[in-house]
Amino acid sequence: MSLTTNIKESIKDAMRAKDAVKLTVLRGISAAFTNELVTKGMKPDGELSDDDAMTVIAREAKKRKDSIEQFTAAGRPELAENEQAELAIIETYLPTQMTRDEIEAAVKAKKEELGITDPAQKGQFVGAVMKDLKGKADGKIVQEVVNGLFS
């Protein structure tokens, strides 16, 4: 079953269970799928590939993480809790993320593989690493690890 079909089935299940938070989140993801289809020049009733759907879901998760950070910094823990609940639902559709140690090992291995020593090549290096770790690692953590290696 494709990821978009899985989300649509989960919407039906959330309606049956009367789970308002989950229903809202899943409808938001479904709307984001439709927006992505339109952006790609496809019909809104089409279906995204699983890779594209995963990208959209990861984008939605990133939005929630940013909101949590901002609400916490602004002293609004009740709003951060709502975003945290939504993030937990979204993360069930994402693959498990790599730990910081796993990211560090992958980055060091890639650095040796490519033989990069010049800090001017850092941008190209980050691009190569993110291509390998796409969907498996948080880009912010990858950036921190790479900056640590080149400083």
C-alpha atoms as a PDB file:
ATOM      1  CA  MET A   1       0.000   0.000   0.000  1.00  0.00           C
ATOM      2  CA  SER A   2       1.373   3.416  -0.941  1.00  0.00           C
ATOM      3  CA  LEU A   3       1.988   6.067   1.682  1.00  0.00           C
ATOM      4  CA  THR A   4      -0.771   8.355   0.381  1.00  0.00           C
ATOM      5  CA  THR A   5      -3.274   5.490   0.481  1.00  0.00           C
ATOM      6  CA  ASN A   6      -2.102   4.645   3.991  1.00  0.00           C
ATOM      7  CA  ILE A   7      -2.721   8.253   5.104  1.00  0.00           C
ATOM      8  CA  LYS A   8      -6.215   8.223   3.575  1.00  0.00           C
ATOM      9  CA  GLU A   9      -7.043   4.982   5.397  1.00  0.00           C
ATOM     10  CA  SER A  10      -5.668   6.443   8.627  1.00  0.00           C
ATOM     11  CA  ILE A  11      -7.981   9.452   8.183  1.00  0.00           C
ATOM     12  CA  LYS A  12     -10.954   7.084   8.066  1.00  0.00           C
ATOM     13  CA  ASP A  13      -9.699   5.245  11.157  1.00  0.00           C
ATOM     14  CA  ALA A  14      -9.224   8.532  13.037  1.00  0.00           C
ATOM     15  CA  MET A  15     -12.784   9.547  12.140  1.00  0.00           C
ATOM     16  CA  ARG A  16     -14.139   6.247  13.435  1.00  0.00           C
ATOM     17  CA  ALA A  17     -12.103   6.593  16.629  1.00  0.00           C
ATOM     18  CA  LYS A  18     -13.172  10.241  17.006  1.00  0.00           C
ATOM     19  CA  ASP A  19      -9.500  11.208  17.498  1.00  0.00           C
ATOM     20  CA  ALA A  20      -9.673  14.929  16.686  1.00  0.00           C
ATOM     21  CA  VAL A  21      -5.940  15.675  16.937  1.00  0.00           C
ATOM     22  CA  LYS A  22      -4.912  12.768  14.723  1.00  0.00           C
ATOM     23  CA  LEU A  23      -7.664  13.599  12.244  1.00  0.00           C
ATOM     24  CA  THR A  24      -6.546  17.223  12.002  1.00  0.00           C
ATOM     25  CA  VAL A  25      -2.911  16.240  11.477  1.00  0.00           C
ATOM     26  CA  LEU A  26      -3.714  13.631   8.838  1.00  0.00           C
ATOM     27  CA  ARG A  27      -6.013  15.982   6.968  1.00  0.00           C
ATOM     28  CA  GLY A  28      -3.226  18.553   6.997  1.00  0.00           C
ATOM     29  CA  ILE A  29      -0.816  16.012   5.533  1.00  0.00           C
ATOM     30  CA  SER A  30      -3.384  15.061   2.907  1.00  0.00           C
ATOM     31  CA  ALA A  31      -3.791  18.744   1.983  1.00  0.00           C
ATOM     32  CA  ALA A  32      -0.004  19.079   1.778  1.00  0.00           C
ATOM     33  CA  PHE A  33       0.016  16.098  -0.624  1.00  0.00           C
ATOM     34  CA  THR A  34      -2.552  17.856  -2.808  1.00  0.00           C
ATOM     35  CA  ASN A  35      -0.525  21.083  -2.743  1.00  0.00           C
ATOM     36  CA  GLU A  36       2.593  19.147  -3.754  1.00  0.00           C
ATOM     37  CA  LEU A  37       0.732  17.538  -6.659  1.00  0.00           C
ATOM     38  CA  VAL A  38      -0.439  20.927  -7.899  1.00  0.00           C
ATOM     39  CA  THR A  39       3.058  22.363  -7.489  1.00  0.00           C
ATOM     40  CA  LYS A  40       4.433  19.538  -9.630  1.00  0.00           C
ATOM     41  CA  GLY A  41       1.861  20.323 -12.322  1.00  0.00           C
ATOM     42  CA  MET A  42      -0.205  17.196 -11.717  1.00  0.00           C
ATOM     43  CA  LYS A  43      -3.927  16.888 -11.116  1.00  0.00           C
ATOM     44  CA  PRO A  44      -4.978  17.309  -7.454  1.00  0.00           C
ATOM     45  CA  ASP A  45      -6.638  13.887  -7.424  1.00  0.00           C
ATOM     46  CA  GLY A  46      -3.404  12.142  -8.474  1.00  0.00           C
ATOM     47  CA  GLU A  47      -1.091  10.232  -6.180  1.00  0.00           C
ATOM     48  CA  LEU A  48       2.417  11.142  -5.085  1.00  0.00           C
ATOM     49  CA  SER A  49       5.250   8.652  -5.222  1.00  0.00           C
ATOM     50  CA  ASP A  50       6.317   7.343  -1.834  1.00  0.00           C
ATOM     51  CA  ASP A  51       9.551   9.375  -2.015  1.00  0.00           C
ATOM     52  CA  ASP A  52       7.655  12.603  -2.679  1.00  0.00           C
ATOM     53  CA  ALA A  53       5.129  11.761   0.034  1.00  0.00           C
ATOM     54  CA  MET A  54       7.963  11.100   2.491  1.00  0.00           C
ATOM     55  CA  THR A  55       9.488  14.486   1.620  1.00  0.00           C
ATOM     56  CA  VAL A  56       6.161  16.208   2.313  1.00  0.00           C
ATOM     57  CA  ILE A  57       5.747  14.404   5.637  1.00  0.00           C
ATOM     58  CA  ALA A  58       9.326  15.284   6.645  1.00  0.00           C
ATOM     59  CA  ARG A  59       8.586  18.923   5.789  1.00  0.00           C
ATOM     60  CA  GLU A  60       5.491  18.849   8.000  1.00  0.00           C
ATOM     61  CA  ALA A  61       7.543  17.351  10.853  1.00  0.00           C
ATOM     62  CA  LYS A  62      10.161  20.079  10.445  1.00  0.00           C
ATOM     63  CA  LYS A  63       7.443  22.741  10.668  1.00  0.00           C
ATOM     64  CA  ARG A  64       6.249  21.243  13.963  1.00  0.00           C
ATOM     65  CA  LYS A  65       9.796  21.098  15.363  1.00  0.00           C
ATOM     66  CA  ASP A  66      10.371  24.751  14.470  1.00  0.00           C
ATOM     67  CA  SER A  67       7.053  25.716  16.071  1.00  0.00           C
ATOM     68  CA  ILE A  68       7.906  23.825  19.256  1.00  0.00           C
ATOM     69  CA  GLU A  69      11.235  25.634  19.430  1.00  0.00           C
ATOM     70  CA  GLN A  70       9.626  29.041  18.930  1.00  0.00           C
ATOM     71  CA  PHE A  71       6.750  28.440  21.362  1.00  0.00           C
ATOM     72  CA  THR A  72       9.159  27.221  24.028  1.00  0.00           C
ATOM     73  CA  ALA A  73      11.396  30.259  23.537  1.00  0.00           C
ATOM     74  CA  ALA A  74       8.357  32.547  23.792  1.00  0.00           C
ATOM     75  CA  GLY A  75       7.232  30.938  27.057  1.00  0.00           C
ATOM     76  CA  ARG A  76       4.101  29.296  25.610  1.00  0.00           C
ATOM     77  CA  PRO A  77       4.413  25.666  26.774  1.00  0.00           C
ATOM     78  CA  GLU A  78       0.701  24.912  26.163  1.00  0.00           C
ATOM     79  CA  LEU A  79       1.113  25.666  22.454  1.00  0.00           C
ATOM     80  CA  ALA A  80       4.364  23.692  22.345  1.00  0.00           C
ATOM     81  CA  GLU A  81       2.518  20.681  23.829  1.00  0.00           C
ATOM     82  CA  ASN A  82      -0.064  20.785  21.025  1.00  0.00           C
ATOM     83  CA  GLU A  83       2.693  20.865  18.408  1.00  0.00           C
ATOM     84  CA  GLN A  84       4.501  18.035  20.215  1.00  0.00           C
ATOM     85  CA  ALA A  85       1.352  15.881  20.061  1.00  0.00           C
ATOM     86  CA  GLU A  86       1.036  16.571  16.334  1.00  0.00           C
ATOM     87  CA  LEU A  87       4.727  15.814  15.787  1.00  0.00           C
ATOM     88  CA  ALA A  88       4.349  12.451  17.533  1.00  0.00           C
ATOM     89  CA  ILE A  89       1.587  11.508  15.091  1.00  0.00           C
ATOM     90  CA  ILE A  90       3.580  12.658  12.075  1.00  0.00           C
ATOM     91  CA  GLU A  91       6.689  10.764  13.184  1.00  0.00           C
ATOM     92  CA  THR A  92       4.791   7.464  13.043  1.00  0.00           C
ATOM     93  CA  TYR A  93       4.833   7.841   9.242  1.00  0.00           C
ATOM     94  CA  LEU A  94       8.544   8.679   9.029  1.00  0.00           C
ATOM     95  CA  PRO A  95      11.418   6.186   9.098  1.00  0.00           C
ATOM     96  CA  THR A  96      13.361   6.122  12.355  1.00  0.00           C
ATOM     97  CA  GLN A  97      15.914   8.902  12.462  1.00  0.00           C
ATOM     98  CA  MET A  98      19.621   8.266  12.941  1.00  0.00           C
ATOM     99  CA  THR A  99      21.219   9.154  16.259  1.00  0.00           C
ATOM    100  CA  ARG A 100      23.896  11.829  16.474  1.00  0.00           C
ATOM    101  CA  ASP A 101      26.599   9.140  16.869  1.00  0.00           C
ATOM    102  CA  GLU A 102      25.408   7.325  13.735  1.00  0.00           C
ATOM    103  CA  ILE A 103      25.392  10.617  11.831  1.00  0.00           C
ATOM    104  CA  GLU A 104      28.923  11.432  13.009  1.00  0.00           C
ATOM    105  CA  ALA A 105      30.159   8.008  11.852  1.00  0.00           C
ATOM    106  CA  ALA A 106      28.489   8.409   8.448  1.00  0.00           C
ATOM    107  CA  VAL A 107      29.871  11.942   7.997  1.00  0.00           C
ATOM    108  CA  LYS A 108      33.426  10.881   8.909  1.00  0.00           C
ATOM    109  CA  ALA A 109      33.221   7.899   6.557  1.00  0.00           C
ATOM    110  CA  LYS A 110      31.973  10.123   3.713  1.00  0.00           C
ATOM    111  CA  LYS A 111      34.730  12.664   4.400  1.00  0.00           C
ATOM    112  CA  GLU A 112      37.389   9.967   4.097  1.00  0.00           C
ATOM    113  CA  GLU A 113      35.693   8.475   1.034  1.00  0.00           C
ATOM    114  CA  LEU A 114      35.700  11.826  -0.777  1.00  0.00           C
ATOM    115  CA  GLY A 115      39.073  12.932   0.641  1.00  0.00           C
ATOM    116  CA  ILE A 116      37.851  16.440   1.459  1.00  0.00           C
ATOM    117  CA  THR A 117      40.179  18.503   3.620  1.00  0.00           C
ATOM    118  CA  ASP A 118      39.572  22.031   2.312  1.00  0.00           C
ATOM    119  CA  PRO A 119      36.903  23.934   4.302  1.00  0.00           C
ATOM    120  CA  ALA A 120      35.926  25.707   1.055  1.00  0.00           C
ATOM    121  CA  GLN A 121      34.421  22.416  -0.149  1.00  0.00           C
ATOM    122  CA  LYS A 122      32.125  22.170   2.874  1.00  0.00           C
ATOM    123  CA  GLY A 123      28.995  23.084   0.886  1.00  0.00           C
ATOM    124  CA  GLN A 124      29.565  20.321  -1.662  1.00  0.00           C
ATOM    125  CA  PHE A 125      30.345  17.908   1.146  1.00  0.00           C
ATOM    126  CA  VAL A 126      27.087  18.686   3.003  1.00  0.00           C
ATOM    127  CA  GLY A 127      25.179  18.107  -0.242  1.00  0.00           C
ATOM    128  CA  ALA A 128      26.829  14.713  -0.752  1.00  0.00           C
ATOM    129  CA  VAL A 129      26.174  13.669   2.847  1.00  0.00           C
ATOM    130  CA  MET A 130      22.526  14.770   2.751  1.00  0.00           C
ATOM    131  CA  LYS A 131      22.031  12.825  -0.483  1.00  0.00           C
ATOM    132  CA  ASP A 132      23.158   9.666   1.340  1.00  0.00           C
ATOM    133  CA  LEU A 133      21.206  10.370   4.536  1.00  0.00           C
ATOM    134  CA  LYS A 134      18.025  11.781   2.964  1.00  0.00           C
ATOM    135  CA  GLY A 135      15.034  10.982   5.139  1.00  0.00           C
ATOM    136  CA  LYS A 136      17.184   9.174   7.709  1.00  0.00           C
ATOM    137  CA  ALA A 137      18.829  12.113   9.461  1.00  0.00           C
ATOM    138  CA  ASP A 138      17.890  15.600  10.607  1.00  0.00           C
ATOM    139  CA  GLY A 139      19.623  18.155   8.380  1.00  0.00           C
ATOM    140  CA  LYS A 140      20.287  20.462  11.315  1.00  0.00           C
ATOM    141  CA  ILE A 141      22.260  17.762  13.162  1.00  0.00           C
ATOM    142  CA  VAL A 142      24.173  16.869   9.979  1.00  0.00           C
ATOM    143  CA  GLN A 143      25.088  20.544   9.545  1.00  0.00           C
ATOM    144  CA  GLU A 144      26.319  20.751  13.167  1.00  0.00           C
ATOM    145  CA  VAL A 145      28.456  17.610  12.748  1.00  0.00           C
ATOM    146  CA  VAL A 146      29.971  18.861   9.489  1.00  0.00           C
ATOM    147  CA  ASN A 147      30.705  22.275  11.029  1.00  0.00           C
ATOM    148  CA  GLY A 148      32.406  20.489  13.930  1.00  0.00           C
ATOM    149  CA  LEU A 149      34.656  18.562  11.537  1.00  0.00           C
ATOM    150  CA  PHE A 150      35.732  21.654   9.591  1.00  0.00           C
ATOM    151  CA  SER A 151      36.311  23.989  12.540  1.00  0.00           C
END
